[in-house]
Every structure is written in C-alpha cells, then in structure tokens.
Amino acid sequence: MDINTNDGLPVIDEKAEMENVDKAAEDYLEKGTTDRCCLRCGTKLILDDYGSGYVIRCETKDCLYVTFRGI
C-alpha cells in the first residue's frame, strides 16, 4: 500500500485492496466473520448478503463498497 496522498486522499494499491476484499469474503464464507480492515480508512469490513450476491463494505459511509453478483 502506498501511503502518499493525493488532494488529501490516500493513494491505494488497487490490487492489494481487492486481495484484502477477497480475503474478507473468504473469511465470511468460512467463519461467518472477518478481522480484515479497510485499507482506505482502517475500519472493519462488513459483508451484506443478498442471496445471489453480496457486498463487502467498510463501516465508514461513502468509503469502500464492492458488489459481487451471483447468477
């Protein structure tokens, strides 16, 4: 992760961020919880299950929000 800033916003390594999100999703599927944190703001990642899809998001409003769609 790059800690440099751009107009006050952290510059995030997108590959590292998606790997972190994928690991959080795996944790939720295996254990029902995760200890992973958002690489942008440091708060806990949350999984919202919508049946055929799910969302991994951070606790901070308008920060990280990744949608995974099913069939």
PDB file of N, CA and C in Angstrom:
ATOM      1  N   MET A   1       0.844  -1.170   0.000  1.00  0.00           N
ATOM      2  CA  MET A   1       0.000   0.000   0.000  1.00  0.00           C
ATOM      3  C   MET A   1       0.886   1.228   0.000  1.00  0.00           C
ATOM      4  N   ASP A   2       0.517   2.208  -0.782  1.00  0.00           N
ATOM      5  CA  ASP A   2       1.234   3.466  -0.855  1.00  0.00           C
ATOM      6  C   ASP A   2       0.584   4.452   0.100  1.00  0.00           C
ATOM      7  N   ILE A   3       1.378   5.084   0.940  1.00  0.00           N
ATOM      8  CA  ILE A   3       0.835   5.995   1.950  1.00  0.00           C
ATOM      9  C   ILE A   3       0.826   7.432   1.440  1.00  0.00           C
ATOM     10  N   ASN A   4       1.317   7.681   0.234  1.00  0.00           N
ATOM     11  CA  ASN A   4       1.293   9.028  -0.313  1.00  0.00           C
ATOM     12  C   ASN A   4      -0.144   9.510  -0.448  1.00  0.00           C
ATOM     13  N   THR A   5      -0.325  10.812  -0.458  1.00  0.00           N
ATOM     14  CA  THR A   5      -1.675  11.350  -0.573  1.00  0.00           C
ATOM     15  C   THR A   5      -1.828  12.136  -1.862  1.00  0.00           C
ATOM     16  N   ASN A   6      -3.068  12.248  -2.300  1.00  0.00           N
ATOM     17  CA  ASN A   6      -3.422  12.995  -3.493  1.00  0.00           C
ATOM     18  C   ASN A   6      -4.646  13.820  -3.148  1.00  0.00           C
ATOM     19  N   ASP A   7      -4.474  15.131  -2.985  1.00  0.00           N
ATOM     20  CA  ASP A   7      -5.563  16.020  -2.569  1.00  0.00           C
ATOM     21  C   ASP A   7      -6.192  15.560  -1.262  1.00  0.00           C
ATOM     22  N   GLY A   8      -5.367  15.097  -0.343  1.00  0.00           N
ATOM     23  CA  GLY A   8      -5.861  14.691   0.965  1.00  0.00           C
ATOM     24  C   GLY A   8      -6.378  13.268   1.035  1.00  0.00           C
ATOM     25  N   LEU A   9      -6.494  12.581  -0.105  1.00  0.00           N
ATOM     26  CA  LEU A   9      -6.992  11.213  -0.126  1.00  0.00           C
ATOM     27  C   LEU A   9      -5.815  10.245  -0.244  1.00  0.00           C
ATOM     28  N   PRO A  10      -5.859   9.111   0.478  1.00  0.00           N
ATOM     29  CA  PRO A  10      -4.751   8.165   0.364  1.00  0.00           C
ATOM     30  C   PRO A  10      -4.718   7.511  -1.015  1.00  0.00           C
ATOM     31  N   VAL A  11      -3.523   7.267  -1.525  1.00  0.00           N
ATOM     32  CA  VAL A  11      -3.356   6.550  -2.777  1.00  0.00           C
ATOM     33  C   VAL A  11      -3.270   5.066  -2.422  1.00  0.00           C
ATOM     34  N   ILE A  12      -4.203   4.270  -2.933  1.00  0.00           N
ATOM     35  CA  ILE A  12      -4.316   2.863  -2.568  1.00  0.00           C
ATOM     36  C   ILE A  12      -3.871   1.986  -3.732  1.00  0.00           C
ATOM     37  N   ASP A  13      -3.142   0.947  -3.417  1.00  0.00           N
ATOM     38  CA  ASP A  13      -2.783  -0.073  -4.393  1.00  0.00           C
ATOM     39  C   ASP A  13      -4.039  -0.905  -4.644  1.00  0.00           C
ATOM     40  N   GLU A  14      -4.625  -0.767  -5.832  1.00  0.00           N
ATOM     41  CA  GLU A  14      -5.899  -1.426  -6.132  1.00  0.00           C
ATOM     42  C   GLU A  14      -5.810  -2.944  -6.033  1.00  0.00           C
ATOM     43  N   LYS A  15      -4.692  -3.510  -6.461  1.00  0.00           N
ATOM     44  CA  LYS A  15      -4.531  -4.967  -6.392  1.00  0.00           C
ATOM     45  C   LYS A  15      -4.539  -5.428  -4.942  1.00  0.00           C
ATOM     46  N   ALA A  16      -3.808  -4.741  -4.078  1.00  0.00           N
ATOM     47  CA  ALA A  16      -3.765  -5.091  -2.656  1.00  0.00           C
ATOM     48  C   ALA A  16      -5.142  -4.924  -2.021  1.00  0.00           C
ATOM     49  N   GLU A  17      -5.856  -3.881  -2.436  1.00  0.00           N
ATOM     50  CA  GLU A  17      -7.189  -3.647  -1.887  1.00  0.00           C
ATOM     51  C   GLU A  17      -8.155  -4.769  -2.271  1.00  0.00           C
ATOM     52  N   MET A  18      -8.118  -5.215  -3.530  1.00  0.00           N
ATOM     53  CA  MET A  18      -9.015  -6.285  -3.955  1.00  0.00           C
ATOM     54  C   MET A  18      -8.633  -7.616  -3.315  1.00  0.00           C
ATOM     55  N   GLU A  19      -7.337  -7.855  -3.125  1.00  0.00           N
ATOM     56  CA  GLU A  19      -6.913  -9.061  -2.416  1.00  0.00           C
ATOM     57  C   GLU A  19      -7.445  -9.046  -0.985  1.00  0.00           C
ATOM     58  N   ASN A  20      -7.423  -7.891  -0.343  1.00  0.00           N
ATOM     59  CA  ASN A  20      -7.944  -7.753   1.014  1.00  0.00           C
ATOM     60  C   ASN A  20      -9.451  -8.019   1.046  1.00  0.00           C
ATOM     61  N   VAL A  21     -10.175  -7.496   0.070  1.00  0.00           N
ATOM     62  CA  VAL A  21     -11.625  -7.712  -0.021  1.00  0.00           C
ATOM     63  C   VAL A  21     -11.919  -9.194  -0.269  1.00  0.00           C
ATOM     64  N   ASP A  22     -11.167  -9.815  -1.166  1.00  0.00           N
ATOM     65  CA  ASP A  22     -11.361 -11.247  -1.436  1.00  0.00           C
ATOM     66  C   ASP A  22     -11.113 -12.089  -0.182  1.00  0.00           C
ATOM     67  N   LYS A  23     -10.068 -11.765   0.568  1.00  0.00           N
ATOM     68  CA  LYS A  23      -9.769 -12.489   1.812  1.00  0.00           C
ATOM     69  C   LYS A  23     -10.884 -12.284   2.831  1.00  0.00           C
ATOM     70  N   ALA A  24     -11.435 -11.088   2.904  1.00  0.00           N
ATOM     71  CA  ALA A  24     -12.556 -10.819   3.817  1.00  0.00           C
ATOM     72  C   ALA A  24     -13.768 -11.666   3.428  1.00  0.00           C
ATOM     73  N   ALA A  25     -14.057 -11.757   2.127  1.00  0.00           N
ATOM     74  CA  ALA A  25     -15.184 -12.571   1.653  1.00  0.00           C
ATOM     75  C   ALA A  25     -14.963 -14.041   2.000  1.00  0.00           C
ATOM     76  N   GLU A  26     -13.737 -14.532   1.806  1.00  0.00           N
ATOM     77  CA  GLU A  26     -13.415 -15.920   2.152  1.00  0.00           C
ATOM     78  C   GLU A  26     -13.615 -16.157   3.648  1.00  0.00           C
ATOM     79  N   ASP A  27     -13.161 -15.220   4.477  1.00  0.00           N
ATOM     80  CA  ASP A  27     -13.335 -15.334   5.928  1.00  0.00           C
ATOM     81  C   ASP A  27     -14.811 -15.446   6.293  1.00  0.00           C
ATOM     82  N   TYR A  28     -15.641 -14.581   5.689  1.00  0.00           N
ATOM     83  CA  TYR A  28     -17.077 -14.601   5.991  1.00  0.00           C
ATOM     84  C   TYR A  28     -17.700 -15.933   5.580  1.00  0.00           C
ATOM     85  N   LEU A  29     -17.290 -16.465   4.425  1.00  0.00           N
ATOM     86  CA  LEU A  29     -17.858 -17.727   3.964  1.00  0.00           C
ATOM     87  C   LEU A  29     -17.420 -18.895   4.838  1.00  0.00           C
ATOM     88  N   GLU A  30     -16.181 -18.856   5.319  1.00  0.00           N
ATOM     89  CA  GLU A  30     -15.659 -19.960   6.135  1.00  0.00           C
ATOM     90  C   GLU A  30     -16.024 -19.840   7.610  1.00  0.00           C
ATOM     91  N   LYS A  31     -15.906 -18.638   8.169  1.00  0.00           N
ATOM     92  CA  LYS A  31     -16.059 -18.454   9.618  1.00  0.00           C
ATOM     93  C   LYS A  31     -17.274 -17.630  10.024  1.00  0.00           C
ATOM     94  N   GLY A  32     -17.879 -16.928   9.070  1.00  0.00           N
ATOM     95  CA  GLY A  32     -19.011 -16.068   9.396  1.00  0.00           C
ATOM     96  C   GLY A  32     -18.606 -14.691   9.887  1.00  0.00           C
ATOM     97  N   THR A  33     -17.306 -14.413   9.926  1.00  0.00           N
ATOM     98  CA  THR A  33     -16.799 -13.111  10.354  1.00  0.00           C
ATOM     99  C   THR A  33     -15.407 -12.898   9.772  1.00  0.00           C
ATOM    100  N   THR A  34     -14.895 -11.680   9.876  1.00  0.00           N
ATOM    101  CA  THR A  34     -13.531 -11.390   9.433  1.00  0.00           C
ATOM    102  C   THR A  34     -12.911 -10.350  10.352  1.00  0.00           C
ATOM    103  N   ASP A  35     -11.601 -10.374  10.434  1.00  0.00           N
ATOM    104  CA  ASP A  35     -10.887  -9.357  11.198  1.00  0.00           C
ATOM    105  C   ASP A  35     -10.181  -8.382  10.254  1.00  0.00           C
ATOM    106  N   ARG A  36     -10.499  -8.460   8.979  1.00  0.00           N
ATOM    107  CA  ARG A  36      -9.906  -7.573   7.971  1.00  0.00           C
ATOM    108  C   ARG A  36     -10.449  -6.159   8.110  1.00  0.00           C
ATOM    109  N   CYS A  37      -9.584  -5.203   7.817  1.00  0.00           N
ATOM    110  CA  CYS A  37      -9.957  -3.789   7.884  1.00  0.00           C
ATOM    111  C   CYS A  37      -9.799  -3.147   6.511  1.00  0.00           C
ATOM    112  N   CYS A  38     -10.515  -2.077   6.310  1.00  0.00           N
ATOM    113  CA  CYS A  38     -10.442  -1.295   5.085  1.00  0.00           C
ATOM    114  C   CYS A  38      -9.047  -0.688   4.971  1.00  0.00           C
ATOM    115  N   LEU A  39      -8.428  -0.825   3.799  1.00  0.00           N
ATOM    116  CA  LEU A  39      -7.102  -0.255   3.584  1.00  0.00           C
ATOM    117  C   LEU A  39      -7.171   1.259   3.389  1.00  0.00           C
ATOM    118  N   ARG A  40      -8.361   1.788   3.133  1.00  0.00           N
ATOM    119  CA  ARG A  40      -8.509   3.232   2.939  1.00  0.00           C
ATOM    120  C   ARG A  40      -8.610   3.983   4.251  1.00  0.00           C
ATOM    121  N   CYS A  41      -9.445   3.469   5.176  1.00  0.00           N
ATOM    122  CA  CYS A  41      -9.693   4.231   6.404  1.00  0.00           C
ATOM    123  C   CYS A  41      -9.398   3.458   7.683  1.00  0.00           C
ATOM    124  N   GLY A  42      -9.196   2.147   7.574  1.00  0.00           N
ATOM    125  CA  GLY A  42      -8.823   1.355   8.737  1.00  0.00           C
ATOM    126  C   GLY A  42      -9.969   0.793   9.559  1.00  0.00           C
ATOM    127  N   THR A  43     -11.223   1.015   9.144  1.00  0.00           N
ATOM    128  CA  THR A  43     -12.352   0.461   9.897  1.00  0.00           C
ATOM    129  C   THR A  43     -12.659  -0.955   9.415  1.00  0.00           C
ATOM    130  N   LYS A  44     -13.478  -1.656  10.167  1.00  0.00           N
ATOM    131  CA  LYS A  44     -13.806  -3.057   9.905  1.00  0.00           C
ATOM    132  C   LYS A  44     -14.565  -3.225   8.590  1.00  0.00           C
ATOM    133  N   LEU A  45     -14.277  -4.331   7.878  1.00  0.00           N
ATOM    134  CA  LEU A  45     -15.027  -4.684   6.673  1.00  0.00           C
ATOM    135  C   LEU A  45     -16.245  -5.513   7.059  1.00  0.00           C
ATOM    136  N   ILE A  46     -17.350  -5.267   6.387  1.00  0.00           N
ATOM    137  CA  ILE A  46     -18.633  -5.906   6.673  1.00  0.00           C
ATOM    138  C   ILE A  46     -19.145  -6.585   5.409  1.00  0.00           C
ATOM    139  N   LEU A  47     -19.790  -7.740   5.564  1.00  0.00           N
ATOM    140  CA  LEU A  47     -20.423  -8.422   4.447  1.00  0.00           C
ATOM    141  C   LEU A  47     -21.935  -8.290   4.584  1.00  0.00           C
ATOM    142  N   ASP A  48     -22.587  -7.826   3.517  1.00  0.00           N
ATOM    143  CA  ASP A  48     -24.047  -7.789   3.429  1.00  0.00           C
ATOM    144  C   ASP A  48     -24.448  -8.829   2.400  1.00  0.00           C
ATOM    145  N   ASP A  49     -25.202  -9.865   2.835  1.00  0.00           N
ATOM    146  CA  ASP A  49     -25.609 -10.967   1.967  1.00  0.00           C
ATOM    147  C   ASP A  49     -26.982 -10.677   1.372  1.00  0.00           C
ATOM    148  N   TYR A  50     -27.088 -10.774   0.048  1.00  0.00           N
ATOM    149  CA  TYR A  50     -28.349 -10.533  -0.645  1.00  0.00           C
ATOM    150  C   TYR A  50     -28.812 -11.759  -1.420  1.00  0.00           C
ATOM    151  N   GLY A  51     -28.497 -12.946  -0.917  1.00  0.00           N
ATOM    152  CA  GLY A  51     -28.926 -14.175  -1.578  1.00  0.00           C
ATOM    153  C   GLY A  51     -28.010 -14.564  -2.708  1.00  0.00           C
ATOM    154  N   SER A  52     -28.290 -14.083  -3.930  1.00  0.00           N
ATOM    155  CA  SER A  52     -27.459 -14.457  -5.075  1.00  0.00           C
ATOM    156  C   SER A  52     -26.273 -13.508  -5.273  1.00  0.00           C
ATOM    157  N   GLY A  53     -26.118 -12.556  -4.406  1.00  0.00           N
ATOM    158  CA  GLY A  53     -24.994 -11.626  -4.468  1.00  0.00           C
ATOM    159  C   GLY A  53     -24.688 -11.114  -3.074  1.00  0.00           C
ATOM    160  N   TYR A  54     -23.583 -10.431  -2.943  1.00  0.00           N
ATOM    161  CA  TYR A  54     -23.235  -9.852  -1.650  1.00  0.00           C
ATOM    162  C   TYR A  54     -22.374  -8.618  -1.849  1.00  0.00           C
ATOM    163  N   VAL A  55     -22.256  -7.848  -0.785  1.00  0.00           N
ATOM    164  CA  VAL A  55     -21.474  -6.623  -0.790  1.00  0.00           C
ATOM    165  C   VAL A  55     -20.453  -6.705   0.327  1.00  0.00           C
ATOM    166  N   ILE A  56     -19.222  -6.331   0.031  1.00  0.00           N
ATOM    167  CA  ILE A  56     -18.214  -6.115   1.059  1.00  0.00           C
ATOM    168  C   ILE A  56     -18.044  -4.603   1.136  1.00  0.00           C
ATOM    169  N   ARG A  57     -18.230  -4.066   2.334  1.00  0.00           N
ATOM    170  CA  ARG A  57     -18.119  -2.618   2.521  1.00  0.00           C
ATOM    171  C   ARG A  57     -17.425  -2.334   3.844  1.00  0.00           C
ATOM    172  N   CYS A  58     -16.974  -1.130   3.999  1.00  0.00           N
ATOM    173  CA  CYS A  58     -16.377  -0.764   5.280  1.00  0.00           C
ATOM    174  C   CYS A  58     -17.423  -0.029   6.109  1.00  0.00           C
ATOM    175  N   GLU A  59     -17.177   0.093   7.396  1.00  0.00           N
ATOM    176  CA  GLU A  59     -18.129   0.742   8.297  1.00  0.00           C
ATOM    177  C   GLU A  59     -18.298   2.227   7.998  1.00  0.00           C
ATOM    178  N   THR A  60     -17.302   2.833   7.400  1.00  0.00           N
ATOM    179  CA  THR A  60     -17.350   4.260   7.093  1.00  0.00           C
ATOM    180  C   THR A  60     -18.225   4.505   5.870  1.00  0.00           C
ATOM    181  N   LYS A  61     -19.196   5.379   6.021  1.00  0.00           N
ATOM    182  CA  LYS A  61     -20.091   5.710   4.919  1.00  0.00           C
ATOM    183  C   LYS A  61     -19.307   6.343   3.777  1.00  0.00           C
ATOM    184  N   ASP A  62     -19.650   5.983   2.539  1.00  0.00           N
ATOM    185  CA  ASP A  62     -19.039   6.522   1.319  1.00  0.00           C
ATOM    186  C   ASP A  62     -17.551   6.231   1.201  1.00  0.00           C
ATOM    187  N   CYS A  63     -17.120   5.079   1.710  1.00  0.00           N
ATOM    188  CA  CYS A  63     -15.724   4.688   1.567  1.00  0.00           C
ATOM    189  C   CYS A  63     -15.674   3.500   0.610  1.00  0.00           C
ATOM    190  N   LEU A  64     -15.343   2.330   1.086  1.00  0.00           N
ATOM    191  CA  LEU A  64     -15.224   1.141   0.246  1.00  0.00           C
ATOM    192  C   LEU A  64     -16.574   0.434   0.131  1.00  0.00           C
ATOM    193  N   TYR A  65     -16.954   0.072  -1.104  1.00  0.00           N
ATOM    194  CA  TYR A  65     -18.208  -0.640  -1.357  1.00  0.00           C
ATOM    195  C   TYR A  65     -18.012  -1.476  -2.622  1.00  0.00           C
ATOM    196  N   VAL A  66     -17.899  -2.813  -2.452  1.00  0.00           N
ATOM    197  CA  VAL A  66     -17.655  -3.712  -3.585  1.00  0.00           C
ATOM    198  C   VAL A  66     -18.811  -4.698  -3.685  1.00  0.00           C
ATOM    199  N   THR A  67     -19.423  -4.762  -4.869  1.00  0.00           N
ATOM    200  CA  THR A  67     -20.566  -5.639  -5.114  1.00  0.00           C
ATOM    201  C   THR A  67     -20.125  -6.886  -5.873  1.00  0.00           C
ATOM    202  N   PHE A  68     -20.581  -8.048  -5.385  1.00  0.00           N
ATOM    203  CA  PHE A  68     -20.362  -9.321  -6.061  1.00  0.00           C
ATOM    204  C   PHE A  68     -21.730  -9.860  -6.441  1.00  0.00           C
ATOM    205  N   ARG A  69     -21.946 -10.131  -7.717  1.00  0.00           N
ATOM    206  CA  ARG A  69     -23.246 -10.595  -8.180  1.00  0.00           C
ATOM    207  C   ARG A  69     -23.198 -12.066  -8.506  1.00  0.00           C
ATOM    208  N   GLY A  70     -24.294 -12.744  -8.211  1.00  0.00           N
ATOM    209  CA  GLY A  70     -24.405 -14.171  -8.494  1.00  0.00           C
ATOM    210  C   GLY A  70     -25.035 -14.420  -9.839  1.00  0.00           C
ATOM    211  N   ILE A  71     -25.666 -15.566  -9.952  1.00  0.00           N
ATOM    212  CA  ILE A  71     -26.284 -15.987 -11.218  1.00  0.00           C
ATOM    213  C   ILE A  71     -27.517 -15.178 -11.511  1.00  0.00           C
TER     214      ILE A  71
END
